[in-house]
């Protein structure tokens, strides 16, 4: 693999600290991303917003408005991560699906690929710019647009399981599973729309936990880690 899309959850930026950000952890994540870039990998990162806002937290709000708030929250996270990456010594750019000058560049696949080829890390915010679609789906679509070799998903779980292990003690972890099986069994670790999209485009996905930022580098290098979701 050379060009990789990393989906980073918003919760990862808070690292269970109870604050919006665990800045020391964010800095460690940034250093790991920079190390991967120095090894020759091209990285784009889609950030979630779970540390700030989730659309379903909107109660009786209109779903479109609630999701738009989530998109804005991802931009805040993208700027935070970009700042940490630059301080760690590698160039970075925030690109968004909706125009947000001067906070970010407007996203286009061509401009994003130019950044990647120049050795910069691209941090993507504002989702796809439309409601009802998750940042998992954003990652799947952007990975296809930018010609990525794989999509990595850093989650708050270490594997995909046959059931929720917090509820079902018989749940078994899966080291490899077909995307069609994930959909058929309605496994919740990945958004179903993202899974279906990767199935249709042939994009492999690796799902892993982010207890240690070094796990990102292991996943980028292709080391055995978490669950691989195959398109076949």
C-alpha atoms as a PDB file:
ATOM      1  CA  UNK A   1       0.000   0.000   0.000  1.00  0.00           C
ATOM      2  CA  UNK A   2       1.146   3.521  -0.716  1.00  0.00           C
ATOM      3  CA  UNK A   3      -1.867   5.843  -0.516  1.00  0.00           C
ATOM      4  CA  UNK A   4      -4.115   5.281   2.487  1.00  0.00           C
ATOM      5  CA  UNK A   5      -7.270   6.836   3.908  1.00  0.00           C
ATOM      6  CA  UNK A   6      -7.466   6.800   7.705  1.00  0.00           C
ATOM      7  CA  UNK A   7     -10.842   7.308   9.404  1.00  0.00           C
ATOM      8  CA  UNK A   8     -10.120   8.649  12.874  1.00  0.00           C
ATOM      9  CA  UNK A   9     -12.985   8.855  15.341  1.00  0.00           C
ATOM     10  CA  UNK A  10     -13.604  12.055  17.250  1.00  0.00           C
ATOM     11  CA  UNK A  11     -13.486  10.082  20.496  1.00  0.00           C
ATOM     12  CA  UNK A  12      -9.889   9.162  19.700  1.00  0.00           C
ATOM     13  CA  UNK A  13      -8.929  12.826  20.012  1.00  0.00           C
ATOM     14  CA  UNK A  14     -10.320  12.975  23.548  1.00  0.00           C
ATOM     15  CA  UNK A  15      -8.850   9.553  24.497  1.00  0.00           C
ATOM     16  CA  UNK A  16     -11.457   9.075  27.209  1.00  0.00           C
ATOM     17  CA  UNK A  17     -10.193  12.131  29.084  1.00  0.00           C
ATOM     18  CA  UNK A  18     -13.617  13.669  29.552  1.00  0.00           C
ATOM     19  CA  UNK A  19     -12.396  16.795  27.745  1.00  0.00           C
ATOM     20  CA  UNK A  20     -12.838  17.686  24.101  1.00  0.00           C
ATOM     21  CA  UNK A  21      -9.171  16.886  23.507  1.00  0.00           C
ATOM     22  CA  UNK A  22      -6.341  15.023  25.143  1.00  0.00           C
ATOM     23  CA  UNK A  23      -3.699  17.225  23.528  1.00  0.00           C
ATOM     24  CA  UNK A  24      -0.782  15.005  24.458  1.00  0.00           C
ATOM     25  CA  UNK A  25      -2.563  12.074  22.794  1.00  0.00           C
ATOM     26  CA  UNK A  26      -3.394  14.169  19.725  1.00  0.00           C
ATOM     27  CA  UNK A  27       0.288  15.101  19.492  1.00  0.00           C
ATOM     28  CA  UNK A  28       1.270  11.423  19.651  1.00  0.00           C
ATOM     29  CA  UNK A  29      -1.207  10.591  16.886  1.00  0.00           C
ATOM     30  CA  UNK A  30       0.227  13.420  14.776  1.00  0.00           C
ATOM     31  CA  UNK A  31       3.803  12.212  15.318  1.00  0.00           C
ATOM     32  CA  UNK A  32       2.784   8.728  14.194  1.00  0.00           C
ATOM     33  CA  UNK A  33       1.138  10.105  11.053  1.00  0.00           C
ATOM     34  CA  UNK A  34       4.269  12.114  10.308  1.00  0.00           C
ATOM     35  CA  UNK A  35       6.471   9.065  10.772  1.00  0.00           C
ATOM     36  CA  UNK A  36       4.361   7.132   8.271  1.00  0.00           C
ATOM     37  CA  UNK A  37       4.648  10.008   5.797  1.00  0.00           C
ATOM     38  CA  UNK A  38       8.427  10.068   6.204  1.00  0.00           C
ATOM     39  CA  UNK A  39       8.437   6.344   5.389  1.00  0.00           C
ATOM     40  CA  UNK A  40       6.873   7.196   2.033  1.00  0.00           C
ATOM     41  CA  UNK A  41       3.191   6.595   2.657  1.00  0.00           C
ATOM     42  CA  UNK A  42       0.602   9.108   1.468  1.00  0.00           C
ATOM     43  CA  UNK A  43      -2.047   9.737   4.116  1.00  0.00           C
ATOM     44  CA  UNK A  44      -5.455  11.348   4.049  1.00  0.00           C
ATOM     45  CA  UNK A  45      -7.433  11.504   7.286  1.00  0.00           C
ATOM     46  CA  UNK A  46     -11.186  11.797   7.768  1.00  0.00           C
ATOM     47  CA  UNK A  47     -12.048  12.870  11.313  1.00  0.00           C
ATOM     48  CA  UNK A  48     -15.292  12.235  13.128  1.00  0.00           C
ATOM     49  CA  UNK A  49     -16.916  14.524  15.669  1.00  0.00           C
ATOM     50  CA  UNK A  50     -18.001  12.240  18.502  1.00  0.00           C
ATOM     51  CA  UNK A  51     -15.958  14.179  21.057  1.00  0.00           C
ATOM     52  CA  UNK A  52     -17.994  17.304  20.287  1.00  0.00           C
ATOM     53  CA  UNK A  53     -21.354  16.408  18.745  1.00  0.00           C
ATOM     54  CA  UNK A  54     -23.322  13.586  17.198  1.00  0.00           C
ATOM     55  CA  UNK A  55     -26.388  14.226  15.093  1.00  0.00           C
ATOM     56  CA  UNK A  56     -28.431  11.741  17.110  1.00  0.00           C
ATOM     57  CA  UNK A  57     -27.744  13.871  20.220  1.00  0.00           C
ATOM     58  CA  UNK A  58     -30.007  16.534  18.755  1.00  0.00           C
ATOM     59  CA  UNK A  59     -33.155  15.225  20.464  1.00  0.00           C
ATOM     60  CA  UNK A  60     -36.107  16.754  18.689  1.00  0.00           C
ATOM     61  CA  UNK A  61     -33.977  18.800  16.297  1.00  0.00           C
ATOM     62  CA  UNK A  62     -34.447  18.589  12.571  1.00  0.00           C
ATOM     63  CA  UNK A  63     -32.069  15.840  11.442  1.00  0.00           C
ATOM     64  CA  UNK A  64     -30.548  17.986   8.714  1.00  0.00           C
ATOM     65  CA  UNK A  65     -29.662  20.750  11.177  1.00  0.00           C
ATOM     66  CA  UNK A  66     -28.291  18.247  13.693  1.00  0.00           C
ATOM     67  CA  UNK A  67     -26.084  16.645  11.026  1.00  0.00           C
ATOM     68  CA  UNK A  68     -24.870  20.040   9.843  1.00  0.00           C
ATOM     69  CA  UNK A  69     -23.727  20.758  13.393  1.00  0.00           C
ATOM     70  CA  UNK A  70     -21.800  17.489  13.264  1.00  0.00           C
ATOM     71  CA  UNK A  71     -20.155  18.507  10.001  1.00  0.00           C
ATOM     72  CA  UNK A  72     -18.986  21.768  11.569  1.00  0.00           C
ATOM     73  CA  UNK A  73     -17.645  19.845  14.553  1.00  0.00           C
ATOM     74  CA  UNK A  74     -15.501  17.680  12.247  1.00  0.00           C
ATOM     75  CA  UNK A  75     -13.910  20.844  10.866  1.00  0.00           C
ATOM     76  CA  UNK A  76     -12.923  21.921  14.381  1.00  0.00           C
ATOM     77  CA  UNK A  77     -11.289  18.519  14.879  1.00  0.00           C
ATOM     78  CA  UNK A  78      -9.587  18.697  11.484  1.00  0.00           C
ATOM     79  CA  UNK A  79      -8.005  22.057  12.318  1.00  0.00           C
ATOM     80  CA  UNK A  80      -6.816  20.702  15.672  1.00  0.00           C
ATOM     81  CA  UNK A  81      -5.196  17.675  14.031  1.00  0.00           C
ATOM     82  CA  UNK A  82      -3.658  19.731  11.226  1.00  0.00           C
ATOM     83  CA  UNK A  83      -2.023  22.039  13.765  1.00  0.00           C
ATOM     84  CA  UNK A  84      -0.528  19.052  15.622  1.00  0.00           C
ATOM     85  CA  UNK A  85       0.793  17.544  12.382  1.00  0.00           C
ATOM     86  CA  UNK A  86       2.502  20.776  11.336  1.00  0.00           C
ATOM     87  CA  UNK A  87       4.064  21.147  14.785  1.00  0.00           C
ATOM     88  CA  UNK A  88       5.372  17.589  14.392  1.00  0.00           C
ATOM     89  CA  UNK A  89       7.233  18.645  11.270  1.00  0.00           C
ATOM     90  CA  UNK A  90       5.169  17.595   8.246  1.00  0.00           C
ATOM     91  CA  UNK A  91       3.028  19.773   6.005  1.00  0.00           C
ATOM     92  CA  UNK A  92      -0.731  19.393   6.217  1.00  0.00           C
ATOM     93  CA  UNK A  93      -3.863  20.871   4.718  1.00  0.00           C
ATOM     94  CA  UNK A  94      -7.489  20.889   5.845  1.00  0.00           C
ATOM     95  CA  UNK A  95      -9.960  20.387   3.014  1.00  0.00           C
ATOM     96  CA  UNK A  96     -13.728  20.560   3.401  1.00  0.00           C
ATOM     97  CA  UNK A  97     -16.712  19.456   1.365  1.00  0.00           C
ATOM     98  CA  UNK A  98     -18.300  22.902   1.654  1.00  0.00           C
ATOM     99  CA  UNK A  99     -16.466  26.226   1.143  1.00  0.00           C
ATOM    100  CA  UNK A 100     -15.096  27.462   4.472  1.00  0.00           C
ATOM    101  CA  UNK A 101     -12.409  29.992   3.569  1.00  0.00           C
ATOM    102  CA  UNK A 102     -10.231  31.004   5.368  1.00  0.00           C
ATOM    103  CA  UNK A 103     -10.500  27.990   7.674  1.00  0.00           C
ATOM    104  CA  UNK A 104      -9.927  25.333   5.014  1.00  0.00           C
ATOM    105  CA  UNK A 105      -9.437  24.664   1.335  1.00  0.00           C
ATOM    106  CA  UNK A 106     -12.413  23.451  -0.722  1.00  0.00           C
ATOM    107  CA  UNK A 107     -12.079  19.729  -1.373  1.00  0.00           C
ATOM    108  CA  UNK A 108     -11.392  18.330  -4.813  1.00  0.00           C
ATOM    109  CA  UNK A 109      -9.848  14.960  -5.537  1.00  0.00           C
ATOM    110  CA  UNK A 110      -7.265  16.517  -7.851  1.00  0.00           C
ATOM    111  CA  UNK A 111      -6.107  19.084  -5.291  1.00  0.00           C
ATOM    112  CA  UNK A 112      -6.049  16.456  -2.538  1.00  0.00           C
ATOM    113  CA  UNK A 113      -3.898  14.127  -4.626  1.00  0.00           C
ATOM    114  CA  UNK A 114      -1.505  16.987  -5.388  1.00  0.00           C
ATOM    115  CA  UNK A 115      -1.073  17.578  -1.650  1.00  0.00           C
ATOM    116  CA  UNK A 116      -0.449  13.878  -1.058  1.00  0.00           C
ATOM    117  CA  UNK A 117       2.107  13.637  -3.840  1.00  0.00           C
ATOM    118  CA  UNK A 118       3.904  16.669  -2.380  1.00  0.00           C
ATOM    119  CA  UNK A 119       4.273  14.847   0.941  1.00  0.00           C
ATOM    120  CA  UNK A 120       1.536  16.681   2.829  1.00  0.00           C
ATOM    121  CA  UNK A 121      -1.104  15.003   4.973  1.00  0.00           C
ATOM    122  CA  UNK A 122      -4.656  15.892   3.953  1.00  0.00           C
ATOM    123  CA  UNK A 123      -7.195  16.216   6.769  1.00  0.00           C
ATOM    124  CA  UNK A 124     -10.779  16.116   5.542  1.00  0.00           C
ATOM    125  CA  UNK A 125     -13.631  17.837   7.362  1.00  0.00           C
ATOM    126  CA  UNK A 126     -17.351  18.531   6.929  1.00  0.00           C
ATOM    127  CA  UNK A 127     -18.109  14.995   5.810  1.00  0.00           C
ATOM    128  CA  UNK A 128     -19.525  14.835   2.302  1.00  0.00           C
ATOM    129  CA  UNK A 129     -21.374  18.107   2.860  1.00  0.00           C
ATOM    130  CA  UNK A 130     -24.785  16.448   3.007  1.00  0.00           C
ATOM    131  CA  UNK A 131     -26.807  15.106   5.950  1.00  0.00           C
ATOM    132  CA  UNK A 132     -27.725  11.505   6.786  1.00  0.00           C
ATOM    133  CA  UNK A 133     -24.315  10.089   5.816  1.00  0.00           C
ATOM    134  CA  UNK A 134     -21.655   9.164   8.362  1.00  0.00           C
ATOM    135  CA  UNK A 135     -17.961   9.989   8.386  1.00  0.00           C
ATOM    136  CA  UNK A 136     -17.382   6.251   7.778  1.00  0.00           C
ATOM    137  CA  UNK A 137     -19.142   6.730   4.455  1.00  0.00           C
ATOM    138  CA  UNK A 138     -17.174   9.921   3.837  1.00  0.00           C
ATOM    139  CA  UNK A 139     -13.968   7.935   4.257  1.00  0.00           C
ATOM    140  CA  UNK A 140     -15.100   5.227   1.848  1.00  0.00           C
ATOM    141  CA  UNK A 141     -16.087   7.732  -0.846  1.00  0.00           C
ATOM    142  CA  UNK A 142     -12.971   9.897  -0.486  1.00  0.00           C
ATOM    143  CA  UNK A 143     -10.710   6.837  -0.519  1.00  0.00           C
ATOM    144  CA  UNK A 144     -12.193   5.803  -3.859  1.00  0.00           C
ATOM    145  CA  UNK A 145     -12.005   9.326  -5.285  1.00  0.00           C
ATOM    146  CA  UNK A 146      -8.339   9.744  -4.354  1.00  0.00           C
ATOM    147  CA  UNK A 147      -7.329   6.305  -5.584  1.00  0.00           C
ATOM    148  CA  UNK A 148      -6.333   4.991  -2.165  1.00  0.00           C
ATOM    149  CA  UNK A 149      -5.110   1.424  -1.798  1.00  0.00           C
ATOM    150  CA  UNK A 150      -6.985   0.805   1.454  1.00  0.00           C
ATOM    151  CA  UNK A 151      -9.100   2.392   4.155  1.00  0.00           C
ATOM    152  CA  UNK A 152      -8.062   2.147   7.801  1.00  0.00           C
ATOM    153  CA  UNK A 153     -10.596   2.756  10.550  1.00  0.00           C
ATOM    154  CA  UNK A 154      -9.331   3.590  14.042  1.00  0.00           C
ATOM    155  CA  UNK A 155     -12.277   2.846  16.326  1.00  0.00           C
ATOM    156  CA  UNK A 156     -13.021   2.341  20.000  1.00  0.00           C
ATOM    157  CA  UNK A 157     -13.054  -1.447  19.440  1.00  0.00           C
ATOM    158  CA  UNK A 158     -10.091  -3.735  18.800  1.00  0.00           C
ATOM    159  CA  UNK A 159     -11.857  -6.117  16.378  1.00  0.00           C
ATOM    160  CA  UNK A 160     -15.158  -6.620  14.643  1.00  0.00           C
ATOM    161  CA  UNK A 161     -17.111  -9.232  16.621  1.00  0.00           C
ATOM    162  CA  UNK A 162     -19.968 -11.544  15.694  1.00  0.00           C
ATOM    163  CA  UNK A 163     -22.057  -9.628  18.263  1.00  0.00           C
ATOM    164  CA  UNK A 164     -21.563  -6.839  20.767  1.00  0.00           C
ATOM    165  CA  UNK A 165     -19.061  -8.340  23.253  1.00  0.00           C
ATOM    166  CA  UNK A 166     -20.289  -5.961  25.950  1.00  0.00           C
ATOM    167  CA  UNK A 167     -23.710  -7.588  25.735  1.00  0.00           C
ATOM    168  CA  UNK A 168     -23.066 -11.103  24.425  1.00  0.00           C
ATOM    169  CA  UNK A 169     -20.260 -13.030  26.202  1.00  0.00           C
ATOM    170  CA  UNK A 170     -20.241 -15.600  23.381  1.00  0.00           C
ATOM    171  CA  UNK A 171     -19.307 -12.988  20.763  1.00  0.00           C
ATOM    172  CA  UNK A 172     -16.305 -14.037  18.717  1.00  0.00           C
ATOM    173  CA  UNK A 173     -13.716 -11.697  17.268  1.00  0.00           C
ATOM    174  CA  UNK A 174     -13.136 -11.813  13.534  1.00  0.00           C
ATOM    175  CA  UNK A 175      -9.657 -11.368  12.117  1.00  0.00           C
ATOM    176  CA  UNK A 176     -10.984 -11.374   8.553  1.00  0.00           C
ATOM    177  CA  UNK A 177     -14.526 -11.084   7.251  1.00  0.00           C
ATOM    178  CA  UNK A 178     -16.140 -10.394   3.891  1.00  0.00           C
ATOM    179  CA  UNK A 179     -18.007  -7.113   3.489  1.00  0.00           C
ATOM    180  CA  UNK A 180     -21.044  -9.074   2.347  1.00  0.00           C
ATOM    181  CA  UNK A 181     -20.998 -10.974   5.658  1.00  0.00           C
ATOM    182  CA  UNK A 182     -20.785  -7.729   7.636  1.00  0.00           C
ATOM    183  CA  UNK A 183     -23.914  -6.556   5.836  1.00  0.00           C
ATOM    184  CA  UNK A 184     -25.753  -9.876   6.063  1.00  0.00           C
ATOM    185  CA  UNK A 185     -25.164 -10.183   9.815  1.00  0.00           C
ATOM    186  CA  UNK A 186     -25.822  -6.472  10.369  1.00  0.00           C
ATOM    187  CA  UNK A 187     -22.571  -6.069  12.281  1.00  0.00           C
ATOM    188  CA  UNK A 188     -22.515  -2.545  13.681  1.00  0.00           C
ATOM    189  CA  UNK A 189     -18.781  -1.824  13.810  1.00  0.00           C
ATOM    190  CA  UNK A 190     -18.862  -0.097  10.406  1.00  0.00           C
ATOM    191  CA  UNK A 191     -21.591   2.005   8.885  1.00  0.00           C
ATOM    192  CA  UNK A 192     -23.553  -0.180   6.457  1.00  0.00           C
ATOM    193  CA  UNK A 193     -23.439   2.411   3.667  1.00  0.00           C
ATOM    194  CA  UNK A 194     -19.642   2.603   3.947  1.00  0.00           C
ATOM    195  CA  UNK A 195     -19.393  -1.190   3.915  1.00  0.00           C
ATOM    196  CA  UNK A 196     -21.601  -1.482   0.832  1.00  0.00           C
ATOM    197  CA  UNK A 197     -19.623   1.223  -0.955  1.00  0.00           C
ATOM    198  CA  UNK A 198     -16.298  -0.506  -0.273  1.00  0.00           C
ATOM    199  CA  UNK A 199     -17.839  -3.784  -1.434  1.00  0.00           C
ATOM    200  CA  UNK A 200     -18.829  -2.183  -4.733  1.00  0.00           C
ATOM    201  CA  UNK A 201     -15.450  -0.484  -5.279  1.00  0.00           C
ATOM    202  CA  UNK A 202     -13.239  -3.360  -4.105  1.00  0.00           C
ATOM    203  CA  UNK A 203     -11.709  -1.265  -1.325  1.00  0.00           C
ATOM    204  CA  UNK A 204     -10.341  -3.305   1.611  1.00  0.00           C
ATOM    205  CA  UNK A 205     -10.911  -1.981   5.129  1.00  0.00           C
ATOM    206  CA  UNK A 206      -8.927  -2.634   8.296  1.00  0.00           C
ATOM    207  CA  UNK A 207     -10.716  -1.921  11.582  1.00  0.00           C
ATOM    208  CA  UNK A 208      -8.593  -1.636  14.726  1.00  0.00           C
ATOM    209  CA  UNK A 209      -8.542  -0.041  18.159  1.00  0.00           C
ATOM    210  CA  UNK A 210      -6.528   3.052  18.968  1.00  0.00           C
ATOM    211  CA  UNK A 211      -5.238   2.470  22.472  1.00  0.00           C
ATOM    212  CA  UNK A 212      -1.718   3.258  21.291  1.00  0.00           C
ATOM    213  CA  UNK A 213      -1.021   5.765  18.467  1.00  0.00           C
ATOM    214  CA  UNK A 214       1.705   3.405  17.231  1.00  0.00           C
ATOM    215  CA  UNK A 215      -1.139   1.112  16.130  1.00  0.00           C
ATOM    216  CA  UNK A 216      -1.754   3.535  13.267  1.00  0.00           C
ATOM    217  CA  UNK A 217       1.770   2.969  11.983  1.00  0.00           C
ATOM    218  CA  UNK A 218       1.378  -0.806  12.335  1.00  0.00           C
ATOM    219  CA  UNK A 219      -1.853  -0.693  10.351  1.00  0.00           C
ATOM    220  CA  UNK A 220      -0.306   1.497   7.651  1.00  0.00           C
ATOM    221  CA  UNK A 221       2.590  -0.948   7.326  1.00  0.00           C
ATOM    222  CA  UNK A 222       0.136  -3.800   6.874  1.00  0.00           C
ATOM    223  CA  UNK A 223       0.970  -5.583  10.112  1.00  0.00           C
ATOM    224  CA  UNK A 224      -1.585  -7.982  11.561  1.00  0.00           C
ATOM    225  CA  UNK A 225      -3.927  -5.824  13.596  1.00  0.00           C
ATOM    226  CA  UNK A 226      -7.669  -5.807  14.180  1.00  0.00           C
ATOM    227  CA  UNK A 227     -10.091  -7.047  11.528  1.00  0.00           C
ATOM    228  CA  UNK A 228      -9.663  -6.932   7.760  1.00  0.00           C
ATOM    229  CA  UNK A 229     -12.909  -6.497   5.827  1.00  0.00           C
ATOM    230  CA  UNK A 230     -12.415  -7.880   2.338  1.00  0.00           C
ATOM    231  CA  UNK A 231     -14.524  -6.889  -0.679  1.00  0.00           C
ATOM    232  CA  UNK A 232     -14.836 -10.517  -1.843  1.00  0.00           C
END
